[in-house]
Every structure is written in C-alpha cells, then in structure tokens.
Amino acid sequence: QVQLVESGGGLVQAGGSLRLSCAASGLTFRNYALGWYRQAPGKERELVATISRSSRTYYTDSVKGRFTISRDNAERTCHLQMNSLKPDDTAVYYCAVQSVAGSKPNYWGQGTQVTVSS
C-alpha cells in the first residue's frame, strides 16, 4: 500500500513562512517525481511545484521566487518551503507522486490546510 502523509500546514500571517512535508511509504521513492498541488475554495486544483528524479524543479508563476520544492530520497520525504506567503496562497496543499514531473499523479496524499491571514 502506498501512503503519502502531508504535514506542516497551519495558520500564518501574510509575509510569513511555512514548510510543508510529505512522507512517503510503500514505493521506491527515488524512482518517482513529486509534486505539490493546491486547491483553494471555489477554484480548481492547480500544480504548484514539481521535482524530478534528478531534482529538476518547476514552479508555477505565482509562487516563483517564494516557494522551494526539495526532496530527500534517504528520508523518503518531499518538502515545500513557502516564504512571503500571501492570502491567495490559502488552500489545501496536496503531495503527489508521479512517474514524470508534471504528469498525472499516481498517488495523492490527503492534504494539509494552509491559511494565510491578511
């Protein structure tokens, strides 16, 4: 059974920072790309950032320069460091595992809530 567990969400003031973590089990972690997605109320789920097996990264324009995605294959974890948070970043953030960065995810976590107050 593949399991992805997100953590690190919470309430933060605008301009603050949060670090999200995703712990994976039940798969050969290093063989997969990873992604962070988010879904805000009334909006579709969107891709935030991806990291390939070789640690190549991609960010959606709205978070470039503020968010950093990383992975630790030894710990089987993926992280999303979020700085200079804005109220528009408020969403449920989901970790996903995929065969190719940016492709349809093979597995999803349950999500963690991030709320940024103004």
N, C-alpha and C. Protein backbone atom coordinates (compact mmCIF):
# COMPACT_ATOMS: atom_id res chain seq x y z
N GLN A 1 0.84 -1.18 0.00
CA GLN A 1 0.00 0.00 0.00
C GLN A 1 0.88 1.24 0.00
N VAL A 2 0.59 2.16 -0.92
CA VAL A 2 1.30 3.41 -1.00
C VAL A 2 0.60 4.42 -0.11
N GLN A 3 1.39 5.13 0.66
CA GLN A 3 0.83 6.14 1.54
C GLN A 3 1.68 7.40 1.48
N LEU A 4 1.01 8.53 1.35
CA LEU A 4 1.64 9.84 1.40
C LEU A 4 0.97 10.64 2.50
N VAL A 5 1.77 11.18 3.39
CA VAL A 5 1.24 11.91 4.53
C VAL A 5 1.85 13.30 4.56
N GLU A 6 1.01 14.31 4.41
CA GLU A 6 1.46 15.69 4.46
C GLU A 6 1.41 16.21 5.89
N SER A 7 2.28 17.16 6.16
CA SER A 7 2.27 17.82 7.45
C SER A 7 2.87 19.21 7.29
N GLY A 8 2.68 20.04 8.29
CA GLY A 8 3.29 21.36 8.29
C GLY A 8 2.35 22.50 7.97
N GLY A 9 1.12 22.20 7.62
CA GLY A 9 0.17 23.25 7.34
C GLY A 9 -0.26 23.96 8.62
N GLY A 10 -0.95 25.05 8.44
CA GLY A 10 -1.42 25.80 9.58
C GLY A 10 -1.83 27.20 9.20
N LEU A 11 -1.98 28.02 10.21
CA LEU A 11 -2.36 29.42 10.04
C LEU A 11 -1.14 30.30 10.19
N VAL A 12 -0.95 31.19 9.24
CA VAL A 12 0.19 32.09 9.27
C VAL A 12 -0.24 33.45 8.73
N GLN A 13 0.40 34.48 9.23
CA GLN A 13 0.11 35.83 8.74
C GLN A 13 0.79 36.07 7.40
N ALA A 14 0.21 36.97 6.63
CA ALA A 14 0.81 37.34 5.36
C ALA A 14 2.25 37.78 5.57
N GLY A 15 3.12 37.31 4.69
CA GLY A 15 4.53 37.60 4.82
C GLY A 15 5.31 36.54 5.57
N GLY A 16 4.60 35.65 6.22
CA GLY A 16 5.24 34.60 6.99
C GLY A 16 5.63 33.41 6.14
N SER A 17 6.10 32.37 6.82
CA SER A 17 6.61 31.19 6.15
C SER A 17 6.04 29.92 6.76
N LEU A 18 5.95 28.91 5.94
CA LEU A 18 5.60 27.56 6.37
C LEU A 18 6.43 26.57 5.57
N ARG A 19 6.68 25.44 6.17
CA ARG A 19 7.39 24.36 5.49
C ARG A 19 6.52 23.12 5.52
N LEU A 20 6.07 22.70 4.36
CA LEU A 20 5.26 21.51 4.25
C LEU A 20 6.15 20.30 4.00
N SER A 21 5.74 19.18 4.56
CA SER A 21 6.48 17.95 4.37
C SER A 21 5.55 16.85 3.90
N CYS A 22 6.09 15.95 3.12
CA CYS A 22 5.36 14.79 2.63
C CYS A 22 6.22 13.57 2.87
N ALA A 23 5.71 12.65 3.65
CA ALA A 23 6.40 11.40 3.93
C ALA A 23 5.76 10.28 3.14
N ALA A 24 6.57 9.55 2.40
CA ALA A 24 6.07 8.50 1.53
C ALA A 24 6.48 7.13 2.02
N SER A 25 5.63 6.16 1.77
CA SER A 25 5.94 4.78 2.08
C SER A 25 5.24 3.87 1.08
N GLY A 26 5.75 2.66 0.95
CA GLY A 26 5.13 1.69 0.07
C GLY A 26 5.53 1.78 -1.38
N LEU A 27 6.59 2.51 -1.69
CA LEU A 27 7.06 2.63 -3.06
C LEU A 27 8.55 2.90 -3.06
N THR A 28 9.16 2.69 -4.22
CA THR A 28 10.57 3.02 -4.39
C THR A 28 10.65 4.51 -4.68
N PHE A 29 10.87 5.26 -3.63
CA PHE A 29 10.73 6.71 -3.66
C PHE A 29 11.57 7.36 -4.76
N ARG A 30 12.81 6.94 -4.90
CA ARG A 30 13.73 7.59 -5.83
C ARG A 30 13.32 7.42 -7.29
N ASN A 31 12.43 6.49 -7.59
CA ASN A 31 12.01 6.25 -8.96
C ASN A 31 10.89 7.16 -9.43
N TYR A 32 10.43 8.04 -8.57
CA TYR A 32 9.30 8.89 -8.89
C TYR A 32 9.63 10.36 -8.80
N ALA A 33 8.96 11.12 -9.63
CA ALA A 33 8.92 12.56 -9.47
C ALA A 33 7.85 12.90 -8.43
N LEU A 34 7.92 14.09 -7.90
CA LEU A 34 6.97 14.51 -6.89
C LEU A 34 6.42 15.88 -7.21
N GLY A 35 5.23 16.12 -6.74
CA GLY A 35 4.62 17.41 -6.97
C GLY A 35 3.81 17.88 -5.78
N TRP A 36 3.71 19.17 -5.67
CA TRP A 36 2.80 19.79 -4.72
C TRP A 36 1.70 20.49 -5.51
N TYR A 37 0.49 20.23 -5.13
CA TYR A 37 -0.68 20.84 -5.73
C TYR A 37 -1.47 21.56 -4.64
N ARG A 38 -2.33 22.45 -5.05
CA ARG A 38 -3.19 23.10 -4.07
C ARG A 38 -4.56 23.37 -4.66
N GLN A 39 -5.53 23.44 -3.79
CA GLN A 39 -6.89 23.75 -4.19
C GLN A 39 -7.49 24.73 -3.20
N ALA A 40 -7.80 25.91 -3.70
CA ALA A 40 -8.43 26.94 -2.90
C ALA A 40 -9.94 26.82 -3.05
N PRO A 41 -10.68 27.35 -2.09
CA PRO A 41 -12.14 27.30 -2.19
C PRO A 41 -12.64 27.92 -3.49
N GLY A 42 -13.49 27.20 -4.19
CA GLY A 42 -14.06 27.69 -5.42
C GLY A 42 -13.15 27.64 -6.63
N LYS A 43 -11.98 27.08 -6.47
CA LYS A 43 -11.03 27.00 -7.57
C LYS A 43 -10.65 25.56 -7.86
N GLU A 44 -10.14 25.34 -9.06
CA GLU A 44 -9.67 24.02 -9.43
C GLU A 44 -8.31 23.75 -8.79
N ARG A 45 -8.02 22.49 -8.63
CA ARG A 45 -6.72 22.11 -8.13
C ARG A 45 -5.65 22.49 -9.14
N GLU A 46 -4.58 23.10 -8.67
CA GLU A 46 -3.52 23.54 -9.55
C GLU A 46 -2.17 23.02 -9.11
N LEU A 47 -1.31 22.85 -10.07
CA LEU A 47 0.05 22.44 -9.79
C LEU A 47 0.83 23.63 -9.25
N VAL A 48 1.53 23.42 -8.16
CA VAL A 48 2.34 24.46 -7.54
C VAL A 48 3.80 24.29 -7.90
N ALA A 49 4.32 23.10 -7.71
CA ALA A 49 5.73 22.84 -7.96
C ALA A 49 5.95 21.36 -8.18
N THR A 50 6.97 21.03 -8.95
CA THR A 50 7.36 19.64 -9.16
C THR A 50 8.86 19.50 -9.01
N ILE A 51 9.28 18.30 -8.70
CA ILE A 51 10.69 17.98 -8.66
C ILE A 51 10.88 16.60 -9.25
N SER A 52 11.79 16.50 -10.19
CA SER A 52 12.01 15.26 -10.90
C SER A 52 12.91 14.32 -10.10
N ARG A 53 13.13 13.15 -10.67
CA ARG A 53 14.02 12.19 -10.03
C ARG A 53 15.44 12.72 -9.90
N SER A 54 15.82 13.58 -10.84
CA SER A 54 17.14 14.19 -10.83
C SER A 54 17.14 15.56 -10.15
N SER A 55 16.05 15.89 -9.46
CA SER A 55 15.90 17.13 -8.70
C SER A 55 15.76 18.37 -9.58
N ARG A 56 15.35 18.20 -10.81
CA ARG A 56 14.98 19.34 -11.63
C ARG A 56 13.64 19.86 -11.12
N THR A 57 13.52 21.17 -11.01
CA THR A 57 12.32 21.75 -10.40
C THR A 57 11.54 22.62 -11.37
N TYR A 58 10.28 22.75 -11.08
CA TYR A 58 9.38 23.61 -11.82
C TYR A 58 8.45 24.29 -10.83
N TYR A 59 8.13 25.55 -11.09
CA TYR A 59 7.21 26.29 -10.26
C TYR A 59 6.20 27.03 -11.11
N THR A 60 4.98 27.08 -10.65
CA THR A 60 4.01 27.92 -11.31
C THR A 60 4.38 29.38 -11.07
N ASP A 61 4.01 30.24 -12.00
CA ASP A 61 4.47 31.62 -11.96
C ASP A 61 4.12 32.33 -10.65
N SER A 62 2.99 32.02 -10.09
CA SER A 62 2.52 32.74 -8.91
C SER A 62 3.37 32.50 -7.66
N VAL A 63 4.19 31.45 -7.67
CA VAL A 63 4.99 31.14 -6.49
C VAL A 63 6.48 31.24 -6.74
N LYS A 64 6.88 31.53 -7.95
CA LYS A 64 8.30 31.62 -8.27
C LYS A 64 8.98 32.68 -7.41
N GLY A 65 10.11 32.32 -6.87
CA GLY A 65 10.86 33.22 -6.01
C GLY A 65 10.42 33.19 -4.57
N ARG A 66 9.32 32.52 -4.27
CA ARG A 66 8.81 32.43 -2.90
C ARG A 66 8.81 31.01 -2.36
N PHE A 67 8.54 30.05 -3.21
CA PHE A 67 8.45 28.65 -2.79
C PHE A 67 9.65 27.87 -3.30
N THR A 68 10.04 26.87 -2.54
CA THR A 68 11.11 25.97 -2.94
C THR A 68 10.71 24.54 -2.66
N ILE A 69 10.77 23.70 -3.68
CA ILE A 69 10.48 22.29 -3.51
C ILE A 69 11.80 21.53 -3.41
N SER A 70 11.83 20.52 -2.57
CA SER A 70 13.03 19.71 -2.40
C SER A 70 12.64 18.28 -2.08
N ARG A 71 13.61 17.39 -2.19
CA ARG A 71 13.36 16.00 -1.86
C ARG A 71 14.55 15.42 -1.14
N ASP A 72 14.28 14.43 -0.31
CA ASP A 72 15.32 13.71 0.40
C ASP A 72 15.02 12.23 0.20
N ASN A 73 15.74 11.62 -0.71
CA ASN A 73 15.46 10.23 -1.05
C ASN A 73 15.75 9.28 0.11
N ALA A 74 16.75 9.61 0.91
CA ALA A 74 17.08 8.77 2.05
C ALA A 74 15.96 8.76 3.07
N GLU A 75 15.37 9.92 3.30
CA GLU A 75 14.27 10.03 4.24
C GLU A 75 12.92 9.74 3.61
N ARG A 76 12.89 9.62 2.29
CA ARG A 76 11.65 9.39 1.55
C ARG A 76 10.65 10.51 1.83
N THR A 77 11.15 11.72 1.74
CA THR A 77 10.32 12.88 2.01
C THR A 77 10.48 13.93 0.92
N CYS A 78 9.45 14.73 0.78
CA CYS A 78 9.45 15.87 -0.11
C CYS A 78 8.97 17.06 0.69
N HIS A 79 9.54 18.23 0.42
CA HIS A 79 9.22 19.41 1.19
C HIS A 79 8.87 20.58 0.27
N LEU A 80 8.06 21.45 0.79
CA LEU A 80 7.75 22.69 0.11
C LEU A 80 7.94 23.82 1.10
N GLN A 81 9.01 24.56 0.91
CA GLN A 81 9.27 25.73 1.73
C GLN A 81 8.54 26.91 1.12
N MET A 82 7.68 27.53 1.90
CA MET A 82 6.86 28.62 1.42
C MET A 82 7.19 29.88 2.20
N ASN A 83 7.72 30.86 1.51
CA ASN A 83 8.07 32.14 2.11
C ASN A 83 7.22 33.25 1.53
N SER A 84 7.21 34.37 2.23
CA SER A 84 6.45 35.54 1.77
C SER A 84 5.03 35.17 1.39
N LEU A 85 4.39 34.46 2.26
CA LEU A 85 3.06 33.95 1.96
C LEU A 85 2.04 35.07 1.83
N LYS A 86 1.12 34.84 0.93
CA LYS A 86 0.05 35.78 0.63
C LYS A 86 -1.29 35.15 0.93
N PRO A 87 -2.31 35.95 1.18
CA PRO A 87 -3.64 35.37 1.39
C PRO A 87 -4.10 34.48 0.23
N ASP A 88 -3.69 34.80 -0.99
CA ASP A 88 -4.06 33.99 -2.14
C ASP A 88 -3.42 32.60 -2.12
N ASP A 89 -2.45 32.39 -1.25
CA ASP A 89 -1.85 31.07 -1.11
C ASP A 89 -2.71 30.14 -0.26
N THR A 90 -3.74 30.68 0.35
CA THR A 90 -4.62 29.87 1.18
C THR A 90 -5.26 28.76 0.35
N ALA A 91 -5.07 27.54 0.79
CA ALA A 91 -5.57 26.38 0.05
C ALA A 91 -5.25 25.13 0.83
N VAL A 92 -5.83 24.03 0.39
CA VAL A 92 -5.39 22.73 0.84
C VAL A 92 -4.27 22.29 -0.09
N TYR A 93 -3.14 21.94 0.48
CA TYR A 93 -1.98 21.54 -0.29
C TYR A 93 -1.83 20.03 -0.27
N TYR A 94 -1.62 19.48 -1.45
CA TYR A 94 -1.53 18.04 -1.62
C TYR A 94 -0.18 17.63 -2.17
N CYS A 95 0.37 16.60 -1.61
CA CYS A 95 1.57 15.97 -2.14
C CYS A 95 1.15 14.88 -3.11
N ALA A 96 1.88 14.75 -4.20
CA ALA A 96 1.60 13.72 -5.19
C ALA A 96 2.87 13.07 -5.68
N VAL A 97 2.76 11.81 -6.02
CA VAL A 97 3.86 11.05 -6.59
C VAL A 97 3.49 10.72 -8.02
N GLN A 98 4.41 10.91 -8.93
CA GLN A 98 4.14 10.69 -10.34
C GLN A 98 5.35 10.12 -11.05
N SER A 99 5.10 9.45 -12.16
CA SER A 99 6.18 8.82 -12.89
C SER A 99 7.08 9.84 -13.59
N VAL A 100 6.48 10.94 -14.02
CA VAL A 100 7.20 12.03 -14.67
C VAL A 100 6.72 13.33 -14.05
N ALA A 101 7.64 14.23 -13.80
CA ALA A 101 7.27 15.51 -13.22
C ALA A 101 6.21 16.20 -14.07
N GLY A 102 5.14 16.59 -13.43
CA GLY A 102 4.07 17.27 -14.12
C GLY A 102 3.03 16.38 -14.76
N SER A 103 3.25 15.09 -14.74
CA SER A 103 2.30 14.15 -15.32
C SER A 103 1.19 13.83 -14.33
N LYS A 104 0.25 13.02 -14.79
CA LYS A 104 -0.86 12.63 -13.92
C LYS A 104 -0.31 11.89 -12.71
N PRO A 105 -0.66 12.34 -11.52
CA PRO A 105 -0.13 11.67 -10.33
C PRO A 105 -0.59 10.22 -10.22
N ASN A 106 0.31 9.39 -9.75
CA ASN A 106 -0.02 8.01 -9.45
C ASN A 106 -0.71 7.89 -8.10
N TYR A 107 -0.28 8.73 -7.15
CA TYR A 107 -0.80 8.67 -5.80
C TYR A 107 -0.91 10.07 -5.23
N TRP A 108 -1.86 10.23 -4.32
CA TRP A 108 -2.10 11.51 -3.65
C TRP A 108 -2.09 11.34 -2.15
N GLY A 109 -1.66 12.39 -1.47
CA GLY A 109 -1.84 12.45 -0.05
C GLY A 109 -3.21 13.01 0.28
N GLN A 110 -3.52 13.10 1.56
CA GLN A 110 -4.82 13.59 1.99
C GLN A 110 -4.91 15.11 2.04
N GLY A 111 -3.78 15.78 2.03
CA GLY A 111 -3.76 17.23 2.01
C GLY A 111 -3.56 17.83 3.38
N THR A 112 -3.03 19.04 3.38
CA THR A 112 -2.85 19.80 4.61
C THR A 112 -3.29 21.24 4.35
N GLN A 113 -4.02 21.80 5.29
CA GLN A 113 -4.58 23.13 5.12
C GLN A 113 -3.55 24.20 5.42
N VAL A 114 -3.45 25.15 4.51
CA VAL A 114 -2.63 26.34 4.70
C VAL A 114 -3.55 27.54 4.64
N THR A 115 -3.56 28.33 5.69
CA THR A 115 -4.38 29.53 5.73
C THR A 115 -3.49 30.72 6.01
N VAL A 116 -3.54 31.70 5.13
CA VAL A 116 -2.72 32.91 5.27
C VAL A 116 -3.65 34.08 5.52
N SER A 117 -3.50 34.69 6.66
CA SER A 117 -4.35 35.81 7.04
C SER A 117 -3.73 37.12 6.57
N SER A 118 -4.59 38.10 6.32
CA SER A 118 -4.12 39.40 5.87
C SER A 118 -3.89 40.34 7.03
